[in-house]
Amino acid sequence: MKTYLDCIPCFVQQALRVGRLSTEDEKEIKNILDNVGSLIKDIPMESSPPEIAMYVYSKIKKITGNPDPFRKDKINHIKKAQKLYPHMKEILEESDDRLFTAVRLAIAGNIIDLGTAKTFNIEEDILKSLHQELTINDYQSFKKQIHNSKNILYLGDNSGEAVFDKLLIEEIKKPVTFVVREKPVINDITKQEALEIGIDKVAEVISSGTSAPGTVLSTCTDEFLEIFYNADMIISKGQGNYEALSEVDAPIFFLLKAKCHVIADNIGVDEGSLLLMEKK
């Protein structure tokens, strides 16, 4: 997916948010915004949003010296999600279709996102999402593909939602490789958070090699690319991975909430839609 003009204010807003997390010095924050503005004007709009965000956050890290400004938020989101974990297990136990319910829980977890200007309440929004119909629901194809697949690649997104990804992986009941970011970016999951959550207990955890907030293949390692292109099935979580992979020819199923109108318009759904969408 290309970058749209409406994405640019979002990059600036993210830079402001990170700046305020890193320092109270207004001049320093202004310096961050100046540098980000200068960077954005030279990046081609044909690039995907995660590609641009990778350069934006790299510049911010260099200026602030803080490699992981969202670390406290990530810890907080993981703790809140883990408190819900037993209740989510109870919901699965009472479900007529455990796999589909686990899919819905994983999609609901996608509300935990600090890359957008949207506010959220983890407990309330996740439970509310369970009662919302999927706007695009390719579940039957999803279930069939799981049955026919020997190796499944699961592309992680935000740290807190990975608690719900773990629930889905447990219900898949097949070997799964879970993919994390190489370095901290926004509140996306790295190997550190994956191990804290216990993803390694249910899947093999690997890095894609990229520090972009999305699986930008041109920035991934050769080792990861070999795994990616040989996967029987790819489960892609979140907006960043959709933005990076929407035009890639691969057996992908996108699980996400369309949290901004740009992505909603690109897909052809209303903002706020929940999606289990097979890459056609």
Protein backbone atom coordinates (compact mmCIF):
# COMPACT_ATOMS: atom_id res chain seq x y z
CA MET A 1 0.00 0.00 0.00
CA LYS A 2 1.38 3.41 -0.91
CA THR A 3 1.54 6.35 1.46
CA TYR A 4 -1.31 8.84 1.22
CA LEU A 5 -1.19 12.56 2.01
CA ASP A 6 -3.35 11.95 5.08
CA CYS A 7 -0.54 9.76 6.49
CA ILE A 8 1.84 12.71 6.79
CA PRO A 9 0.09 14.45 9.73
CA CYS A 10 0.07 11.06 11.45
CA PHE A 11 3.87 10.81 11.20
CA VAL A 12 4.21 14.31 12.67
CA GLN A 13 1.79 13.45 15.49
CA GLN A 14 3.77 10.30 16.28
CA ALA A 15 6.99 12.33 16.34
CA LEU A 16 5.40 14.79 18.78
CA ARG A 17 4.22 11.95 21.01
CA VAL A 18 7.66 10.34 21.10
CA GLY A 19 9.31 13.69 21.68
CA ARG A 20 7.15 14.34 24.74
CA LEU A 21 7.90 10.88 26.08
CA SER A 22 11.62 11.55 25.72
CA THR A 23 12.01 15.11 27.00
CA GLU A 24 10.21 18.11 28.48
CA ASP A 25 12.49 20.50 26.60
CA GLU A 26 10.26 22.28 24.04
CA LYS A 27 13.26 23.26 21.93
CA GLU A 28 14.36 19.63 21.72
CA ILE A 29 10.85 18.56 20.74
CA LYS A 30 10.77 21.28 18.07
CA ASN A 31 14.10 19.96 16.79
CA ILE A 32 12.55 16.50 16.47
CA LEU A 33 9.60 17.87 14.50
CA ASP A 34 11.89 19.92 12.25
CA ASN A 35 14.01 16.87 11.45
CA VAL A 36 11.01 14.65 10.83
CA GLY A 37 9.45 17.28 8.55
CA SER A 38 12.67 17.56 6.58
CA LEU A 39 12.89 13.79 6.28
CA ILE A 40 9.32 13.31 5.09
CA LYS A 41 9.59 15.81 2.25
CA ASP A 42 12.33 13.72 0.61
CA ILE A 43 10.63 10.33 0.84
CA PRO A 44 8.63 9.15 -2.21
CA MET A 45 4.93 8.69 -1.61
CA GLU A 46 5.14 5.36 -3.45
CA SER A 47 6.78 3.93 -0.32
CA SER A 48 4.52 2.15 2.14
CA PRO A 49 3.74 3.91 5.45
CA PRO A 50 5.88 1.47 7.49
CA GLU A 51 8.87 2.23 5.25
CA ILE A 52 8.55 5.94 5.96
CA ALA A 53 7.88 5.31 9.64
CA MET A 54 11.09 3.27 9.86
CA TYR A 55 13.13 6.29 8.79
CA VAL A 56 11.10 8.65 10.98
CA TYR A 57 11.63 6.58 14.13
CA SER A 58 15.28 5.99 13.32
CA LYS A 59 15.78 9.75 13.15
CA ILE A 60 13.89 10.27 16.44
CA LYS A 61 15.99 7.62 18.20
CA LYS A 62 19.18 9.30 16.99
CA ILE A 63 18.07 12.70 18.28
CA THR A 64 16.71 11.55 21.66
CA GLY A 65 19.11 8.70 22.37
CA ASN A 66 16.14 6.65 23.55
CA PRO A 67 15.93 3.32 21.68
CA ASP A 68 12.60 2.24 23.20
CA PRO A 69 10.47 5.20 24.38
CA PHE A 70 7.29 3.08 24.53
CA ARG A 71 8.75 0.38 26.76
CA LYS A 72 6.65 1.35 29.81
CA ASP A 73 3.50 1.42 27.68
CA LYS A 74 4.29 -2.02 26.30
CA ILE A 75 4.75 -3.48 29.77
CA ASN A 76 1.48 -1.89 30.92
CA HIS A 77 -0.47 -3.19 27.91
CA ILE A 78 0.92 -6.70 28.32
CA LYS A 79 -0.06 -6.76 32.01
CA LYS A 80 -3.59 -5.58 31.25
CA ALA A 81 -3.97 -8.13 28.46
CA GLN A 82 -2.65 -10.91 30.68
CA LYS A 83 -5.25 -10.05 33.32
CA LEU A 84 -7.91 -10.70 30.68
CA TYR A 85 -6.28 -13.98 29.59
CA PRO A 86 -8.14 -16.28 32.05
CA HIS A 87 -11.48 -14.72 31.08
CA MET A 88 -10.67 -15.13 27.40
CA LYS A 89 -9.90 -18.79 28.08
CA GLU A 90 -13.33 -19.15 29.67
CA ILE A 91 -14.91 -17.60 26.59
CA LEU A 92 -13.11 -20.18 24.45
CA GLU A 93 -14.30 -23.02 26.67
CA GLU A 94 -17.91 -21.91 26.21
CA SER A 95 -17.57 -21.39 22.46
CA ASP A 96 -19.16 -23.61 19.81
CA ASP A 97 -16.21 -22.91 17.51
CA ARG A 98 -13.03 -22.36 19.49
CA LEU A 99 -10.87 -21.51 16.49
CA PHE A 100 -13.24 -18.82 15.22
CA THR A 101 -13.58 -17.34 18.70
CA ALA A 102 -9.79 -17.28 19.04
CA VAL A 103 -9.60 -15.46 15.69
CA ARG A 104 -12.08 -12.88 16.95
CA LEU A 105 -10.07 -12.40 20.13
CA ALA A 106 -6.87 -11.93 18.15
CA ILE A 107 -8.53 -9.32 15.93
CA ALA A 108 -10.04 -7.59 18.97
CA GLY A 109 -6.54 -7.32 20.45
CA ASN A 110 -5.50 -5.18 17.49
CA ILE A 111 -7.05 -2.14 19.22
CA ILE A 112 -3.82 -1.90 21.29
CA ASP A 113 -2.04 0.55 18.98
CA LEU A 114 0.09 3.59 19.78
CA GLY A 115 0.81 4.30 16.12
CA THR A 116 -2.56 6.02 15.66
CA ALA A 117 -4.12 9.00 17.36
CA LYS A 118 -7.01 6.85 18.59
CA THR A 119 -7.48 6.30 22.32
CA PHE A 120 -8.52 2.92 23.63
CA ASN A 121 -9.48 1.04 26.79
CA ILE A 122 -8.10 -2.48 26.58
CA GLU A 123 -10.65 -4.17 28.80
CA GLU A 124 -13.74 -2.41 27.46
CA ASP A 125 -12.78 -2.31 23.78
CA ILE A 126 -11.75 -5.95 23.53
CA LEU A 127 -14.97 -7.20 25.11
CA LYS A 128 -16.99 -4.83 22.91
CA SER A 129 -15.20 -6.10 19.79
CA LEU A 130 -16.33 -9.64 20.55
CA HIS A 131 -19.89 -8.55 19.85
CA GLN A 132 -19.04 -6.78 16.59
CA GLU A 133 -19.54 -8.65 13.32
CA LEU A 134 -16.57 -9.05 10.98
CA THR A 135 -17.01 -6.81 7.94
CA ILE A 136 -14.90 -9.20 5.86
CA ASN A 137 -15.02 -12.77 7.08
CA ASP A 138 -12.97 -15.32 5.15
CA TYR A 139 -13.03 -17.77 8.04
CA GLN A 140 -13.98 -20.86 6.05
CA SER A 141 -11.00 -20.36 3.75
CA PHE A 142 -8.82 -19.57 6.79
CA LYS A 143 -9.83 -22.81 8.51
CA LYS A 144 -9.28 -24.83 5.34
CA GLN A 145 -5.85 -23.32 4.82
CA ILE A 146 -4.82 -24.20 8.38
CA HIS A 147 -5.94 -27.80 7.78
CA ASN A 148 -3.88 -28.00 4.58
CA SER A 149 -0.75 -26.25 5.90
CA LYS A 150 2.33 -27.86 7.38
CA ASN A 151 4.16 -24.64 8.26
CA ILE A 152 2.38 -21.48 9.33
CA LEU A 153 4.02 -18.07 9.67
CA TYR A 154 2.39 -15.66 12.12
CA LEU A 155 3.46 -12.01 11.76
CA GLY A 156 3.14 -10.26 15.11
CA ASP A 157 2.16 -6.62 15.51
CA ASN A 158 1.73 -4.78 18.82
CA SER A 159 3.06 -6.13 22.11
CA GLY A 160 -0.17 -6.21 24.12
CA GLU A 161 -2.21 -7.90 21.43
CA ALA A 162 0.34 -10.71 21.24
CA VAL A 163 -1.27 -12.08 24.42
CA PHE A 164 -4.35 -12.75 22.26
CA ASP A 165 -2.20 -14.00 19.40
CA LYS A 166 -0.97 -16.64 21.82
CA LEU A 167 -4.57 -17.76 22.37
CA LEU A 168 -5.06 -18.18 18.62
CA ILE A 169 -1.77 -20.04 18.17
CA GLU A 170 -2.82 -22.47 20.92
CA GLU A 171 -6.05 -23.18 19.02
CA ILE A 172 -4.32 -23.67 15.65
CA LYS A 173 -2.68 -26.82 17.04
CA LYS A 174 -0.01 -26.93 14.34
CA PRO A 175 3.64 -25.82 14.19
CA VAL A 176 3.69 -22.02 14.04
CA THR A 177 6.58 -19.60 13.61
CA PHE A 178 5.91 -16.25 15.27
CA VAL A 179 7.66 -13.21 13.81
CA VAL A 180 8.80 -10.16 15.77
CA ARG A 181 10.50 -6.85 14.90
CA GLU A 182 14.28 -6.77 15.06
CA LYS A 183 14.38 -3.56 17.12
CA PRO A 184 11.85 -1.58 19.17
CA VAL A 185 9.55 0.65 17.11
CA ILE A 186 6.39 2.24 18.53
CA ASN A 187 4.78 -0.47 20.73
CA ASP A 188 5.45 -3.31 18.28
CA ILE A 189 6.57 -6.66 19.62
CA THR A 190 10.24 -7.63 19.77
CA LYS A 191 11.73 -10.90 20.95
CA GLN A 192 11.98 -9.48 24.46
CA GLU A 193 8.22 -9.00 24.79
CA ALA A 194 7.47 -12.27 23.02
CA LEU A 195 9.47 -14.14 25.64
CA GLU A 196 7.84 -12.18 28.47
CA ILE A 197 4.41 -13.20 27.16
CA GLY A 198 5.47 -16.82 26.66
CA ILE A 199 4.98 -16.97 22.90
CA ASP A 200 8.05 -19.21 22.78
CA LYS A 201 6.06 -21.84 24.70
CA VAL A 202 3.58 -22.21 21.81
CA ALA A 203 5.61 -21.21 18.72
CA GLU A 204 9.10 -20.73 17.41
CA VAL A 205 9.99 -17.04 17.73
CA ILE A 206 12.10 -15.40 15.02
CA SER A 207 12.90 -11.87 13.89
CA SER A 208 12.07 -10.58 10.43
CA GLY A 209 15.21 -8.46 10.62
CA THR A 210 13.35 -5.20 10.06
CA SER A 211 12.91 -2.29 12.44
CA ALA A 212 9.96 -0.96 10.43
CA PRO A 213 6.50 -1.08 12.09
CA GLY A 214 5.41 -3.57 9.46
CA THR A 215 6.94 -6.47 7.51
CA VAL A 216 8.67 -4.45 4.80
CA LEU A 217 10.23 -7.28 2.81
CA SER A 218 12.97 -5.16 1.25
CA THR A 219 14.34 -4.52 4.76
CA CYS A 220 14.08 -8.12 6.02
CA THR A 221 16.91 -10.64 6.23
CA ASP A 222 17.52 -13.28 3.57
CA GLU A 223 16.90 -15.96 6.20
CA PHE A 224 13.46 -14.55 6.96
CA LEU A 225 12.58 -14.09 3.29
CA GLU A 226 13.29 -17.76 2.63
CA ILE A 227 10.91 -18.74 5.44
CA PHE A 228 8.31 -16.21 4.27
CA TYR A 229 8.21 -17.39 0.66
CA ASN A 230 8.15 -21.06 1.66
CA ALA A 231 5.32 -20.74 4.19
CA ASP A 232 2.12 -22.64 3.40
CA MET A 233 0.11 -19.96 5.21
CA ILE A 234 0.87 -16.48 6.54
CA ILE A 235 -1.24 -14.89 9.27
CA SER A 236 -0.63 -11.15 9.22
CA LYS A 237 -1.68 -9.12 12.24
CA GLY A 238 -2.38 -5.40 12.25
CA GLN A 239 -2.39 -2.33 10.06
CA GLY A 240 1.38 -2.02 9.63
CA ASN A 241 1.70 -5.53 8.23
CA TYR A 242 -1.28 -4.91 5.94
CA GLU A 243 0.28 -1.69 4.64
CA ALA A 244 3.55 -3.48 3.94
CA LEU A 245 2.13 -6.67 2.40
CA SER A 246 -1.17 -5.72 0.74
CA GLU A 247 0.40 -5.96 -2.72
CA VAL A 248 2.62 -8.99 -2.08
CA ASP A 249 1.76 -12.26 -3.81
CA ALA A 250 1.67 -14.78 -0.96
CA PRO A 251 -0.88 -16.98 0.91
CA ILE A 252 -1.71 -14.25 3.44
CA PHE A 253 -4.68 -13.80 5.76
CA PHE A 254 -4.91 -10.29 7.24
CA LEU A 255 -6.35 -9.98 10.75
CA LEU A 256 -6.91 -6.38 11.81
CA LYS A 257 -9.15 -3.56 12.86
CA ALA A 258 -9.26 -0.69 10.33
CA LYS A 259 -8.42 2.05 12.81
CA CYS A 260 -7.95 4.92 10.35
CA HIS A 261 -9.93 6.07 7.33
CA VAL A 262 -6.93 5.75 5.00
CA ILE A 263 -6.67 2.00 5.50
CA ALA A 264 -10.45 1.60 5.60
CA ASP A 265 -10.75 3.40 2.25
CA ASN A 266 -7.90 1.36 0.77
CA ILE A 267 -9.67 -1.88 1.71
CA GLY A 268 -13.14 -0.56 0.89
CA VAL A 269 -14.73 -0.80 4.34
CA ASP A 270 -15.89 1.59 7.05
CA GLU A 271 -13.44 2.88 9.62
CA GLY A 272 -13.61 0.67 12.72
CA SER A 273 -14.31 -2.50 10.73
CA LEU A 274 -12.96 -5.85 11.96
CA LEU A 275 -11.42 -7.97 9.23
CA LEU A 276 -10.37 -11.54 8.56
CA MET A 277 -9.37 -11.09 4.95
CA GLU A 278 -7.68 -13.48 2.58
CA LYS A 279 -5.17 -12.00 0.16
CA LYS A 280 -6.74 -12.56 -3.26
